C-alpha atoms as a PDB file:
ATOM      1  CA  MET A   1       0.000   0.000   0.000  1.00  0.00           C
ATOM      2  CA  SER A   2       3.018   2.287   0.183  1.00  0.00           C
ATOM      3  CA  ARG A   3       6.645   2.386  -0.842  1.00  0.00           C
ATOM      4  CA  ILE A   4       9.238   2.418   1.953  1.00  0.00           C
ATOM      5  CA  SER A   5      12.842   3.488   1.301  1.00  0.00           C
ATOM      6  CA  PRO A   6      15.695   3.687   3.812  1.00  0.00           C
ATOM      7  CA  ARG A   7      17.835   6.835   3.733  1.00  0.00           C
ATOM      8  CA  VAL A   8      20.998   8.065   5.449  1.00  0.00           C
ATOM      9  CA  LEU A   9      21.119  11.749   6.405  1.00  0.00           C
ATOM     10  CA  GLY A  10      24.365  13.686   6.797  1.00  0.00           C
ATOM     11  CA  ALA A  11      27.256  15.062   4.775  1.00  0.00           C
ATOM     12  CA  TRP A  12      29.556  12.714   2.850  1.00  0.00           C
ATOM     13  CA  ILE A  13      33.079  13.751   1.885  1.00  0.00           C
ATOM     14  CA  GLY A  14      34.301  11.589  -0.994  1.00  0.00           C
ATOM     15  CA  SER A  15      33.370   8.041  -1.975  1.00  0.00           C
ATOM     16  CA  LEU A  16      35.600   6.400   0.661  1.00  0.00           C
ATOM     17  CA  PHE A  17      34.008   8.217   3.594  1.00  0.00           C
ATOM     18  CA  ARG A  18      32.502   5.790   6.142  1.00  0.00           C
ATOM     19  CA  PHE A  19      29.237   5.963   8.071  1.00  0.00           C
ATOM     20  CA  ASP A  20      29.697   7.829  11.378  1.00  0.00           C
ATOM     21  CA  PRO A  21      26.771   7.620  13.853  1.00  0.00           C
ATOM     22  CA  GLU A  22      27.879  10.969  15.347  1.00  0.00           C
ATOM     23  CA  LYS A  23      27.422  12.730  11.969  1.00  0.00           C
ATOM     24  CA  HIS A  24      24.843  10.575  10.173  1.00  0.00           C
ATOM     25  CA  ARG A  25      21.336   9.425  10.896  1.00  0.00           C
ATOM     26  CA  ILE A  26      19.381   6.535   9.388  1.00  0.00           C
ATOM     27  CA  THR A  27      15.740   7.239   8.607  1.00  0.00           C
ATOM     28  CA  VAL A  28      12.918   5.853   6.459  1.00  0.00           C
ATOM     29  CA  ASP A  29      10.884   7.588   3.754  1.00  0.00           C
ATOM     30  CA  GLN A  30       7.363   6.360   3.117  1.00  0.00           C
ATOM     31  CA  THR A  31       5.408   7.276  -0.012  1.00  0.00           C
ATOM     32  CA  PRO A  32       1.707   6.382   0.042  1.00  0.00           C
ATOM     33  CA  SER A  33       0.360   4.493  -2.959  1.00  0.00           C
ATOM     34  CA  ALA A  34      -2.717   5.468  -4.967  1.00  0.00           C
ATOM     35  CA  GLU A  35      -4.654   2.723  -3.126  1.00  0.00           C
ATOM     36  CA  LEU A  36      -3.740   4.202   0.264  1.00  0.00           C
ATOM     37  CA  HIS A  37      -4.770   7.686  -0.868  1.00  0.00           C
ATOM     38  CA  ALA A  38      -8.109   6.253  -2.053  1.00  0.00           C
ATOM     39  CA  ALA A  39      -8.589   4.428   1.260  1.00  0.00           C
ATOM     40  CA  LEU A  40      -8.031   7.692   3.185  1.00  0.00           C
ATOM     41  CA  ASP A  41     -11.006   9.177   1.353  1.00  0.00           C
ATOM     42  CA  GLU A  42     -13.172   6.595   3.149  1.00  0.00           C
ATOM     43  CA  VAL A  43     -11.958   7.557   6.647  1.00  0.00           C
ATOM     44  CA  GLY A  44     -14.546   9.275   8.831  1.00  0.00           C
ATOM     45  CA  VAL A  45     -13.750  12.068  11.270  1.00  0.00           C
ATOM     46  CA  GLU A  46     -15.364  12.473  14.672  1.00  0.00           C
ATOM     47  CA  VAL A  47     -14.593  15.700  16.555  1.00  0.00           C
ATOM     48  CA  LEU A  48     -14.365  14.943  20.271  1.00  0.00           C
ATOM     49  CA  GLY A  49     -13.615  18.468  21.447  1.00  0.00           C
ATOM     50  CA  VAL A  50     -11.058  21.223  21.385  1.00  0.00           C
ATOM     51  CA  LYS A  51      -7.496  20.270  22.220  1.00  0.00           C
ATOM     52  CA  ASP A  52      -6.270  21.715  25.509  1.00  0.00           C
ATOM     53  CA  SER A  53      -3.841  24.563  24.851  1.00  0.00           C
ATOM     54  CA  GLY A  54      -1.558  23.415  27.658  1.00  0.00           C
ATOM     55  CA  ALA A  55      -1.653  26.915  29.143  1.00  0.00           C
ATOM     56  CA  ILE A  56      -2.291  26.794  32.885  1.00  0.00           C
ATOM     57  CA  ILE A  57      -1.505  28.584  36.140  1.00  0.00           C
ATOM     58  CA  SER A  58      -0.355  25.792  38.443  1.00  0.00           C
ATOM     59  CA  LEU A  59       0.975  27.538  41.570  1.00  0.00           C
ATOM     60  CA  VAL A  60       1.075  30.949  43.254  1.00  0.00           C
ATOM     61  CA  THR A  61       3.623  31.553  46.009  1.00  0.00           C
ATOM     62  CA  ASP A  62       3.486  34.517  48.408  1.00  0.00           C
ATOM     63  CA  VAL A  63       7.120  35.646  48.590  1.00  0.00           C
ATOM     64  CA  ALA A  64       6.649  37.412  51.952  1.00  0.00           C
ATOM     65  CA  THR A  65       5.513  34.246  53.763  1.00  0.00           C
ATOM     66  CA  GLY A  66       6.524  31.445  51.398  1.00  0.00           C
ATOM     67  CA  LYS A  67       2.949  30.146  51.569  1.00  0.00           C
ATOM     68  CA  ILE A  68       1.351  28.341  48.618  1.00  0.00           C
ATOM     69  CA  ASP A  69      -2.078  27.921  50.248  1.00  0.00           C
ATOM     70  CA  GLY A  70      -3.695  30.902  48.516  1.00  0.00           C
ATOM     71  CA  THR A  71      -2.754  33.479  51.139  1.00  0.00           C
ATOM     72  CA  ILE A  72      -1.181  36.603  49.620  1.00  0.00           C
ATOM     73  CA  THR A  73       0.337  39.740  51.153  1.00  0.00           C
ATOM     74  CA  PRO A  74      -0.627  43.121  49.686  1.00  0.00           C
ATOM     75  CA  ASP A  75       2.273  45.347  48.583  1.00  0.00           C
ATOM     76  CA  ASP A  76       4.600  42.332  48.383  1.00  0.00           C
ATOM     77  CA  ASP A  77       5.668  39.959  45.592  1.00  0.00           C
ATOM     78  CA  ILE A  78       4.147  36.756  44.271  1.00  0.00           C
ATOM     79  CA  ILE A  79       5.640  34.019  42.110  1.00  0.00           C
ATOM     80  CA  VAL A  80       3.254  32.575  39.526  1.00  0.00           C
ATOM     81  CA  GLU A  81       4.206  29.234  37.972  1.00  0.00           C
ATOM     82  CA  GLY A  82       2.596  27.314  35.136  1.00  0.00           C
ATOM     83  CA  GLU A  83       2.720  26.672  31.404  1.00  0.00           C
ATOM     84  CA  LYS A  84       2.509  29.336  28.669  1.00  0.00           C
ATOM     85  CA  ILE A  85       1.856  32.100  31.208  1.00  0.00           C
ATOM     86  CA  ARG A  86       4.284  34.696  29.826  1.00  0.00           C
ATOM     87  CA  ILE A  87       2.552  38.040  29.330  1.00  0.00           C
ATOM     88  CA  ALA A  88       3.193  39.085  25.742  1.00  0.00           C
ATOM     89  CA  PRO A  89       3.413  41.342  23.920  1.00  0.00           C
ATOM     90  CA  ASP A  90       4.828  43.578  26.623  1.00  0.00           C
ATOM     91  CA  GLY A  91       2.849  46.743  27.263  1.00  0.00           C
ATOM     92  CA  GLU A  92      -0.276  45.855  25.257  1.00  0.00           C
ATOM     93  CA  ALA A  93      -3.450  47.256  26.817  1.00  0.00           C
ATOM     94  CA  GLY A  94      -5.671  44.698  28.539  1.00  0.00           C
ATOM     95  CA  LEU A  95      -2.886  42.165  29.102  1.00  0.00           C
ATOM     96  CA  GLY A  96      -1.286  41.358  32.451  1.00  0.00           C
ATOM     97  CA  ILE A  97      -2.036  39.954  35.882  1.00  0.00           C
ATOM     98  CA  PHE A  98      -5.346  40.875  37.500  1.00  0.00           C
ATOM     99  CA  PHE A  99      -6.983  40.214  40.873  1.00  0.00           C
ATOM    100  CA  ILE A 100     -10.782  39.969  40.668  1.00  0.00           C
ATOM    101  CA  SER A 101     -12.647  40.390  43.942  1.00  0.00           C
ATOM    102  CA  GLU A 102     -15.776  38.485  44.882  1.00  0.00           C
ATOM    103  CA  THR A 103     -17.784  41.662  44.335  1.00  0.00           C
ATOM    104  CA  GLY A 104     -16.502  42.017  40.790  1.00  0.00           C
ATOM    105  CA  PRO A 105     -13.959  44.831  40.424  1.00  0.00           C
ATOM    106  CA  GLU A 106     -10.603  43.783  39.014  1.00  0.00           C
ATOM    107  CA  THR A 107      -7.278  45.262  40.073  1.00  0.00           C
ATOM    108  CA  PRO A 108      -4.241  44.969  37.781  1.00  0.00           C
ATOM    109  CA  VAL A 109      -0.621  44.532  38.820  1.00  0.00           C
ATOM    110  CA  THR A 110       0.847  47.838  37.697  1.00  0.00           C
ATOM    111  CA  HIS A 111       4.512  47.387  38.645  1.00  0.00           C
ATOM    112  CA  ARG A 112       6.960  46.051  36.069  1.00  0.00           C
ATOM    113  CA  LEU A 113       7.347  42.261  36.287  1.00  0.00           C
ATOM    114  CA  THR A 114      10.654  41.083  37.757  1.00  0.00           C
ATOM    115  CA  GLN A 115      10.492  37.903  35.669  1.00  0.00           C
ATOM    116  CA  ASN A 116       8.165  37.185  32.733  1.00  0.00           C
ATOM    117  CA  ASP A 117       8.886  33.720  31.337  1.00  0.00           C
ATOM    118  CA  PRO A 118       6.646  31.032  29.830  1.00  0.00           C
ATOM    119  CA  LYS A 119       6.781  28.970  33.046  1.00  0.00           C
ATOM    120  CA  LYS A 120       7.377  31.588  35.735  1.00  0.00           C
ATOM    121  CA  ILE A 121       6.334  35.166  36.461  1.00  0.00           C
ATOM    122  CA  ILE A 122       7.499  37.197  39.444  1.00  0.00           C
ATOM    123  CA  ALA A 123       5.097  40.063  40.037  1.00  0.00           C
ATOM    124  CA  ARG A 124       6.490  42.915  42.100  1.00  0.00           C
ATOM    125  CA  GLY A 125       4.060  44.439  44.479  1.00  0.00           C
ATOM    126  CA  VAL A 126       0.666  42.823  44.708  1.00  0.00           C
ATOM    127  CA  PRO A 127      -1.717  45.813  44.679  1.00  0.00           C
ATOM    128  CA  ALA A 128      -2.985  47.164  48.006  1.00  0.00           C
ATOM    129  CA  LEU A 129      -5.983  44.835  48.057  1.00  0.00           C
ATOM    130  CA  ALA A 130      -8.622  44.985  50.792  1.00  0.00           C
ATOM    131  CA  SER A 131      -9.206  41.929  52.964  1.00  0.00           C
ATOM    132  CA  GLY A 132     -11.196  39.297  51.116  1.00  0.00           C
ATOM    133  CA  HIS A 133     -11.114  36.621  48.447  1.00  0.00           C
ATOM    134  CA  TYR A 134      -9.744  37.092  44.933  1.00  0.00           C
ATOM    135  CA  THR A 135      -9.370  35.208  41.686  1.00  0.00           C
ATOM    136  CA  LEU A 136      -6.025  35.587  39.914  1.00  0.00           C
ATOM    137  CA  VAL A 137      -6.285  35.990  36.153  1.00  0.00           C
ATOM    138  CA  ILE A 138      -3.568  36.303  33.517  1.00  0.00           C
ATOM    139  CA  ARG A 139      -4.413  37.737  30.111  1.00  0.00           C
ATOM    140  CA  THR A 140      -1.823  37.172  27.401  1.00  0.00           C
ATOM    141  CA  ARG A 141      -1.408  36.548  23.684  1.00  0.00           C
ATOM    142  CA  PHE A 142       1.655  34.331  24.232  1.00  0.00           C
ATOM    143  CA  ALA A 143       1.522  30.966  22.436  1.00  0.00           C
ATOM    144  CA  HIS A 144       5.115  29.655  22.328  1.00  0.00           C
ATOM    145  CA  GLY A 145       8.547  30.972  21.380  1.00  0.00           C
ATOM    146  CA  SER A 146       7.946  34.294  19.654  1.00  0.00           C
ATOM    147  CA  THR A 147       4.511  33.227  18.368  1.00  0.00           C
ATOM    148  CA  LEU A 148       1.553  35.310  19.523  1.00  0.00           C
ATOM    149  CA  LEU A 149      -2.144  34.472  19.419  1.00  0.00           C
ATOM    150  CA  ASN A 150      -4.430  36.740  17.374  1.00  0.00           C
ATOM    151  CA  ALA A 151      -6.660  37.327  20.397  1.00  0.00           C
ATOM    152  CA  SER A 152      -5.843  37.336  24.093  1.00  0.00           C
ATOM    153  CA  ARG A 153      -6.154  34.181  26.176  1.00  0.00           C
ATOM    154  CA  THR A 154      -7.431  34.329  29.760  1.00  0.00           C
ATOM    155  CA  LEU A 155      -5.925  31.945  32.305  1.00  0.00           C
ATOM    156  CA  THR A 156      -7.641  31.614  35.688  1.00  0.00           C
ATOM    157  CA  TYR A 157      -5.937  30.196  38.780  1.00  0.00           C
ATOM    158  CA  ASN A 158      -8.183  27.492  40.265  1.00  0.00           C
ATOM    159  CA  VAL A 159      -7.322  28.366  43.879  1.00  0.00           C
ATOM    160  CA  THR A 160      -9.071  31.332  45.526  1.00  0.00           C
ATOM    161  CA  LEU A 161      -6.520  33.817  46.869  1.00  0.00           C
ATOM    162  CA  THR A 162      -7.095  35.349  50.297  1.00  0.00           C
ATOM    163  CA  VAL A 163      -5.946  38.655  51.761  1.00  0.00           C
ATOM    164  CA  ALA A 164      -6.271  38.585  55.553  1.00  0.00           C
END
């Protein structure tokens, strides 16, 4: 149903040069036949859902206390860890870290981020939040590498943060 051909990748210098596993790699090429192409036309597709983006906030640490239980200290730093959490592009309106209170208003982190990486953000100076419960939200267009999404993505931490 298909043609399979072995191939060696790498540079060869002259006809007497020998295979070197440090410089060469053995691979296989597969070319589908007309019958296989025709058979693929008969394959059905069932959409089971949208693939998870892999972007997630997994942990928030209060730098002042070292606690990871959801307690945060106003006017101090937090470390946010996860996957694909980098806030990018830098300085774009509507993007950043936000604390949303139970009553609805959201308060952004306005200080420059000490660290802004795909897996770790250090936010300087949690805003002067009143006592209560908050949801941490990150809005970003970061996808991976230097690739940006066309629209912003909202990531919500699944642990309620508390200011005593």
